[in-house]
C-alpha atoms as a PDB file:
ATOM      1  CA  UNK A   1     -18.056  -7.684  18.546  1.00  0.00           C
ATOM      2  CA  UNK A   2     -20.697  -6.089  16.362  1.00  0.00           C
ATOM      3  CA  UNK A   3     -19.864  -3.495  13.743  1.00  0.00           C
ATOM      4  CA  UNK A   4     -20.037   0.227  14.475  1.00  0.00           C
ATOM      5  CA  UNK A   5     -23.434   0.860  12.896  1.00  0.00           C
ATOM      6  CA  UNK A   6     -25.020  -1.940  14.955  1.00  0.00           C
ATOM      7  CA  UNK A   7     -23.513  -0.565  18.166  1.00  0.00           C
ATOM      8  CA  UNK A   8     -24.705   2.952  17.359  1.00  0.00           C
ATOM      9  CA  UNK A   9     -28.199   1.694  16.548  1.00  0.00           C
ATOM     10  CA  UNK A  10     -28.310  -0.114  19.910  1.00  0.00           C
ATOM     11  CA  UNK A  11     -27.314   3.134  21.638  1.00  0.00           C
ATOM     12  CA  UNK A  12     -29.978   5.020  19.669  1.00  0.00           C
ATOM     13  CA  UNK A  13     -32.561   2.439  20.760  1.00  0.00           C
ATOM     14  CA  UNK A  14     -31.457   2.909  24.382  1.00  0.00           C
ATOM     15  CA  UNK A  15     -31.951   6.655  24.030  1.00  0.00           C
ATOM     16  CA  UNK A  16     -35.417   6.168  22.540  1.00  0.00           C
ATOM     17  CA  UNK A  17     -36.473   3.928  25.424  1.00  0.00           C
ATOM     18  CA  UNK A  18     -34.808   5.700  28.367  1.00  0.00           C
ATOM     19  CA  UNK A  19     -34.401   9.246  27.056  1.00  0.00           C
ATOM     20  CA  UNK A  20     -36.377  12.158  28.375  1.00  0.00           C
ATOM     21  CA  UNK A  21     -39.825  12.380  26.910  1.00  0.00           C
ATOM     22  CA  UNK A  22     -40.255  16.046  27.696  1.00  0.00           C
ATOM     23  CA  UNK A  23     -41.825  17.909  24.854  1.00  0.00           C
ATOM     24  CA  UNK A  24     -42.998  21.403  24.355  1.00  0.00           C
ATOM     25  CA  UNK A  25     -46.162  22.105  26.316  1.00  0.00           C
ATOM     26  CA  UNK A  26     -48.980  23.394  24.122  1.00  0.00           C
ATOM     27  CA  UNK A  27     -52.384  24.553  25.265  1.00  0.00           C
ATOM     28  CA  UNK A  28     -55.456  22.725  24.026  1.00  0.00           C
ATOM     29  CA  UNK A  29     -56.827  26.024  22.698  1.00  0.00           C
ATOM     30  CA  UNK A  30     -53.745  26.462  20.509  1.00  0.00           C
ATOM     31  CA  UNK A  31     -54.125  22.912  19.144  1.00  0.00           C
ATOM     32  CA  UNK A  32     -57.823  23.478  18.434  1.00  0.00           C
ATOM     33  CA  UNK A  33     -57.099  26.742  16.616  1.00  0.00           C
ATOM     34  CA  UNK A  34     -54.384  25.101  14.461  1.00  0.00           C
ATOM     35  CA  UNK A  35     -56.738  22.274  13.467  1.00  0.00           C
ATOM     36  CA  UNK A  36     -59.540  24.731  12.701  1.00  0.00           C
ATOM     37  CA  UNK A  37     -57.191  26.865  10.592  1.00  0.00           C
ATOM     38  CA  UNK A  38     -55.983  23.828   8.622  1.00  0.00           C
ATOM     39  CA  UNK A  39     -59.561  22.590   8.149  1.00  0.00           C
ATOM     40  CA  UNK A  40     -60.741  25.972   6.827  1.00  0.00           C
ATOM     41  CA  UNK A  41     -57.771  26.205   4.449  1.00  0.00           C
ATOM     42  CA  UNK A  42     -58.406  22.708   3.130  1.00  0.00           C
ATOM     43  CA  UNK A  43     -62.099  23.407   2.477  1.00  0.00           C
ATOM     44  CA  UNK A  44     -60.991  25.798  -0.300  1.00  0.00           C
ATOM     45  CA  UNK A  45     -58.789  23.197  -2.023  1.00  0.00           C
ATOM     46  CA  UNK A  46     -59.648  21.710  -5.372  1.00  0.00           C
ATOM     47  CA  UNK A  47     -59.165  17.969  -5.911  1.00  0.00           C
ATOM     48  CA  UNK A  48     -55.888  18.650  -7.750  1.00  0.00           C
ATOM     49  CA  UNK A  49     -54.565  20.846  -4.907  1.00  0.00           C
ATOM     50  CA  UNK A  50     -55.607  18.234  -2.347  1.00  0.00           C
ATOM     51  CA  UNK A  51     -53.797  15.451  -4.244  1.00  0.00           C
ATOM     52  CA  UNK A  52     -50.656  17.616  -4.565  1.00  0.00           C
ATOM     53  CA  UNK A  53     -50.679  18.527  -0.854  1.00  0.00           C
ATOM     54  CA  UNK A  54     -51.100  14.890   0.197  1.00  0.00           C
ATOM     55  CA  UNK A  55     -48.253  13.792  -2.097  1.00  0.00           C
ATOM     56  CA  UNK A  56     -46.003  16.504  -0.659  1.00  0.00           C
ATOM     57  CA  UNK A  57     -46.861  15.519   2.906  1.00  0.00           C
ATOM     58  CA  UNK A  58     -46.044  11.876   2.192  1.00  0.00           C
ATOM     59  CA  UNK A  59     -42.828  12.727   0.334  1.00  0.00           C
ATOM     60  CA  UNK A  60     -41.327  14.680   3.237  1.00  0.00           C
ATOM     61  CA  UNK A  61     -42.521  12.433   6.035  1.00  0.00           C
ATOM     62  CA  UNK A  62     -39.782  10.737   8.031  1.00  0.00           C
ATOM     63  CA  UNK A  63     -39.434   7.003   7.619  1.00  0.00           C
ATOM     64  CA  UNK A  64     -40.965   5.097  10.516  1.00  0.00           C
ATOM     65  CA  UNK A  65     -38.455   3.850  13.037  1.00  0.00           C
ATOM     66  CA  UNK A  66     -38.402   0.207  14.059  1.00  0.00           C
ATOM     67  CA  UNK A  67     -40.185  -0.692  17.274  1.00  0.00           C
ATOM     68  CA  UNK A  68     -37.981  -0.122  20.324  1.00  0.00           C
ATOM     69  CA  UNK A  69     -36.174  -3.160  21.671  1.00  0.00           C
ATOM     70  CA  UNK A  70     -36.992  -2.800  25.367  1.00  0.00           C
ATOM     71  CA  UNK A  71     -34.991  -5.855  26.450  1.00  0.00           C
ATOM     72  CA  UNK A  72     -31.794  -4.597  24.835  1.00  0.00           C
ATOM     73  CA  UNK A  73     -32.350  -1.104  26.244  1.00  0.00           C
ATOM     74  CA  UNK A  74     -32.822  -2.602  29.717  1.00  0.00           C
ATOM     75  CA  UNK A  75     -29.592  -4.577  29.332  1.00  0.00           C
ATOM     76  CA  UNK A  76     -27.647  -1.441  28.343  1.00  0.00           C
ATOM     77  CA  UNK A  77     -29.225   0.527  31.186  1.00  0.00           C
ATOM     78  CA  UNK A  78     -28.351  -2.114  33.775  1.00  0.00           C
ATOM     79  CA  UNK A  79     -24.770  -2.469  32.548  1.00  0.00           C
ATOM     80  CA  UNK A  80     -24.311   1.299  32.515  1.00  0.00           C
ATOM     81  CA  UNK A  81     -25.822   1.767  35.993  1.00  0.00           C
ATOM     82  CA  UNK A  82     -23.506  -0.869  37.525  1.00  0.00           C
ATOM     83  CA  UNK A  83     -20.330   0.347  35.799  1.00  0.00           C
ATOM     84  CA  UNK A  84     -17.562   2.035  37.751  1.00  0.00           C
ATOM     85  CA  UNK A  85     -16.994   5.669  36.796  1.00  0.00           C
ATOM     86  CA  UNK A  86     -13.481   5.041  35.466  1.00  0.00           C
ATOM     87  CA  UNK A  87     -12.280   2.050  33.438  1.00  0.00           C
ATOM     88  CA  UNK A  88      -8.745   1.804  32.073  1.00  0.00           C
ATOM     89  CA  UNK A  89      -8.173   5.426  33.055  1.00  0.00           C
ATOM     90  CA  UNK A  90     -11.132   6.631  30.991  1.00  0.00           C
ATOM     91  CA  UNK A  91     -14.373   8.097  32.417  1.00  0.00           C
ATOM     92  CA  UNK A  92     -16.417   5.655  30.335  1.00  0.00           C
ATOM     93  CA  UNK A  93     -19.635   5.978  32.337  1.00  0.00           C
ATOM     94  CA  UNK A  94     -19.811   9.768  31.955  1.00  0.00           C
ATOM     95  CA  UNK A  95     -18.724   9.647  28.299  1.00  0.00           C
ATOM     96  CA  UNK A  96     -21.410   7.095  27.406  1.00  0.00           C
ATOM     97  CA  UNK A  97     -24.061   9.104  29.259  1.00  0.00           C
ATOM     98  CA  UNK A  98     -23.184  12.278  27.376  1.00  0.00           C
ATOM     99  CA  UNK A  99     -22.794  10.476  24.040  1.00  0.00           C
ATOM    100  CA  UNK A 100     -26.190   8.790  24.297  1.00  0.00           C
ATOM    101  CA  UNK A 101     -28.328  11.279  26.233  1.00  0.00           C
ATOM    102  CA  UNK A 102     -26.424  14.562  26.040  1.00  0.00           C
ATOM    103  CA  UNK A 103     -26.351  17.357  23.508  1.00  0.00           C
ATOM    104  CA  UNK A 104     -23.823  17.835  20.730  1.00  0.00           C
ATOM    105  CA  UNK A 105     -22.338  20.766  22.647  1.00  0.00           C
ATOM    106  CA  UNK A 106     -21.855  18.670  25.799  1.00  0.00           C
ATOM    107  CA  UNK A 107     -20.108  16.004  23.732  1.00  0.00           C
ATOM    108  CA  UNK A 108     -17.855  18.613  22.116  1.00  0.00           C
ATOM    109  CA  UNK A 109     -16.855  19.949  25.544  1.00  0.00           C
ATOM    110  CA  UNK A 110     -16.153  16.429  26.793  1.00  0.00           C
ATOM    111  CA  UNK A 111     -14.002  15.646  23.757  1.00  0.00           C
ATOM    112  CA  UNK A 112     -12.121  18.934  24.140  1.00  0.00           C
ATOM    113  CA  UNK A 113     -11.318  18.095  27.771  1.00  0.00           C
ATOM    114  CA  UNK A 114     -10.024  14.710  26.633  1.00  0.00           C
ATOM    115  CA  UNK A 115      -7.877  16.353  23.949  1.00  0.00           C
ATOM    116  CA  UNK A 116      -9.852  14.753  21.148  1.00  0.00           C
ATOM    117  CA  UNK A 117     -11.722  17.642  19.620  1.00  0.00           C
ATOM    118  CA  UNK A 118     -10.604  17.107  16.026  1.00  0.00           C
ATOM    119  CA  UNK A 119     -11.544  14.590  13.320  1.00  0.00           C
ATOM    120  CA  UNK A 120      -9.651  11.342  13.707  1.00  0.00           C
ATOM    121  CA  UNK A 121      -8.804  12.021  17.369  1.00  0.00           C
ATOM    122  CA  UNK A 122     -12.489  12.406  18.139  1.00  0.00           C
ATOM    123  CA  UNK A 123     -13.374   9.186  16.312  1.00  0.00           C
ATOM    124  CA  UNK A 124     -10.645   7.228  18.140  1.00  0.00           C
ATOM    125  CA  UNK A 125     -11.738   8.711  21.486  1.00  0.00           C
ATOM    126  CA  UNK A 126     -15.395   7.872  20.833  1.00  0.00           C
ATOM    127  CA  UNK A 127     -14.661   4.372  19.552  1.00  0.00           C
ATOM    128  CA  UNK A 128     -12.531   3.600  22.610  1.00  0.00           C
ATOM    129  CA  UNK A 129     -15.205   4.292  25.236  1.00  0.00           C
ATOM    130  CA  UNK A 130     -17.905   2.656  23.111  1.00  0.00           C
ATOM    131  CA  UNK A 131     -15.681  -0.440  22.762  1.00  0.00           C
ATOM    132  CA  UNK A 132     -15.102  -0.617  26.526  1.00  0.00           C
ATOM    133  CA  UNK A 133     -18.815  -0.208  27.236  1.00  0.00           C
ATOM    134  CA  UNK A 134     -19.886  -2.900  24.785  1.00  0.00           C
ATOM    135  CA  UNK A 135     -17.274  -5.330  26.073  1.00  0.00           C
ATOM    136  CA  UNK A 136     -19.034  -5.082  29.431  1.00  0.00           C
ATOM    137  CA  UNK A 137     -22.427  -5.438  27.722  1.00  0.00           C
ATOM    138  CA  UNK A 138     -21.267  -8.606  25.942  1.00  0.00           C
ATOM    139  CA  UNK A 139     -19.904 -10.031  29.203  1.00  0.00           C
ATOM    140  CA  UNK A 140     -23.207  -9.336  30.958  1.00  0.00           C
ATOM    141  CA  UNK A 141     -25.188 -10.830  28.077  1.00  0.00           C
ATOM    142  CA  UNK A 142     -23.068 -14.005  28.139  1.00  0.00           C
ATOM    143  CA  UNK A 143     -23.571 -14.319  31.905  1.00  0.00           C
ATOM    144  CA  UNK A 144     -27.322 -13.896  31.517  1.00  0.00           C
ATOM    145  CA  UNK A 145     -27.435 -16.629  28.891  1.00  0.00           C
ATOM    146  CA  UNK A 146     -25.318 -18.920  31.026  1.00  0.00           C
ATOM    147  CA  UNK A 147     -27.314 -18.379  34.227  1.00  0.00           C
ATOM    148  CA  UNK A 148     -30.761 -17.912  32.709  1.00  0.00           C
ATOM    149  CA  UNK A 149     -31.123 -14.138  33.055  1.00  0.00           C
ATOM    150  CA  UNK A 150     -30.754 -13.895  36.828  1.00  0.00           C
ATOM    151  CA  UNK A 151     -27.357 -12.198  36.997  1.00  0.00           C
ATOM    152  CA  UNK A 152     -27.115  -9.209  39.309  1.00  0.00           C
ATOM    153  CA  UNK A 153     -30.789  -8.954  40.185  1.00  0.00           C
END
């Protein structure tokens, strides 16, 4: 099985591909006014101020994320959608859904209900349902390789 950071990055990729894309709605007039305001402010800049502003903008820019792996996200989505709700007495399907697509508050509530709201208990609880989920993912991936990708379709 992969290490924890690889599993978490696969889950993050799944969220990027299948997560809600809803963003804040902004009127086109508002956008136009913001661009006009920035343009007018920048007209007053000297070359030194412009260079400093551009350096600051580049310094605080987030690093670009790698391109989404759509095939892996599809695999995780299919495995999750076909999972039973409970595995080994644990609501793995619901826990994975909240862990990947939910909010921090929803995850805290879920952990509290499971009696794992503190430090090491939380980590053990989280690692357990992630382990169970990825065991199923590995099984599905092996079956796809063995049968040429036509499993369960």
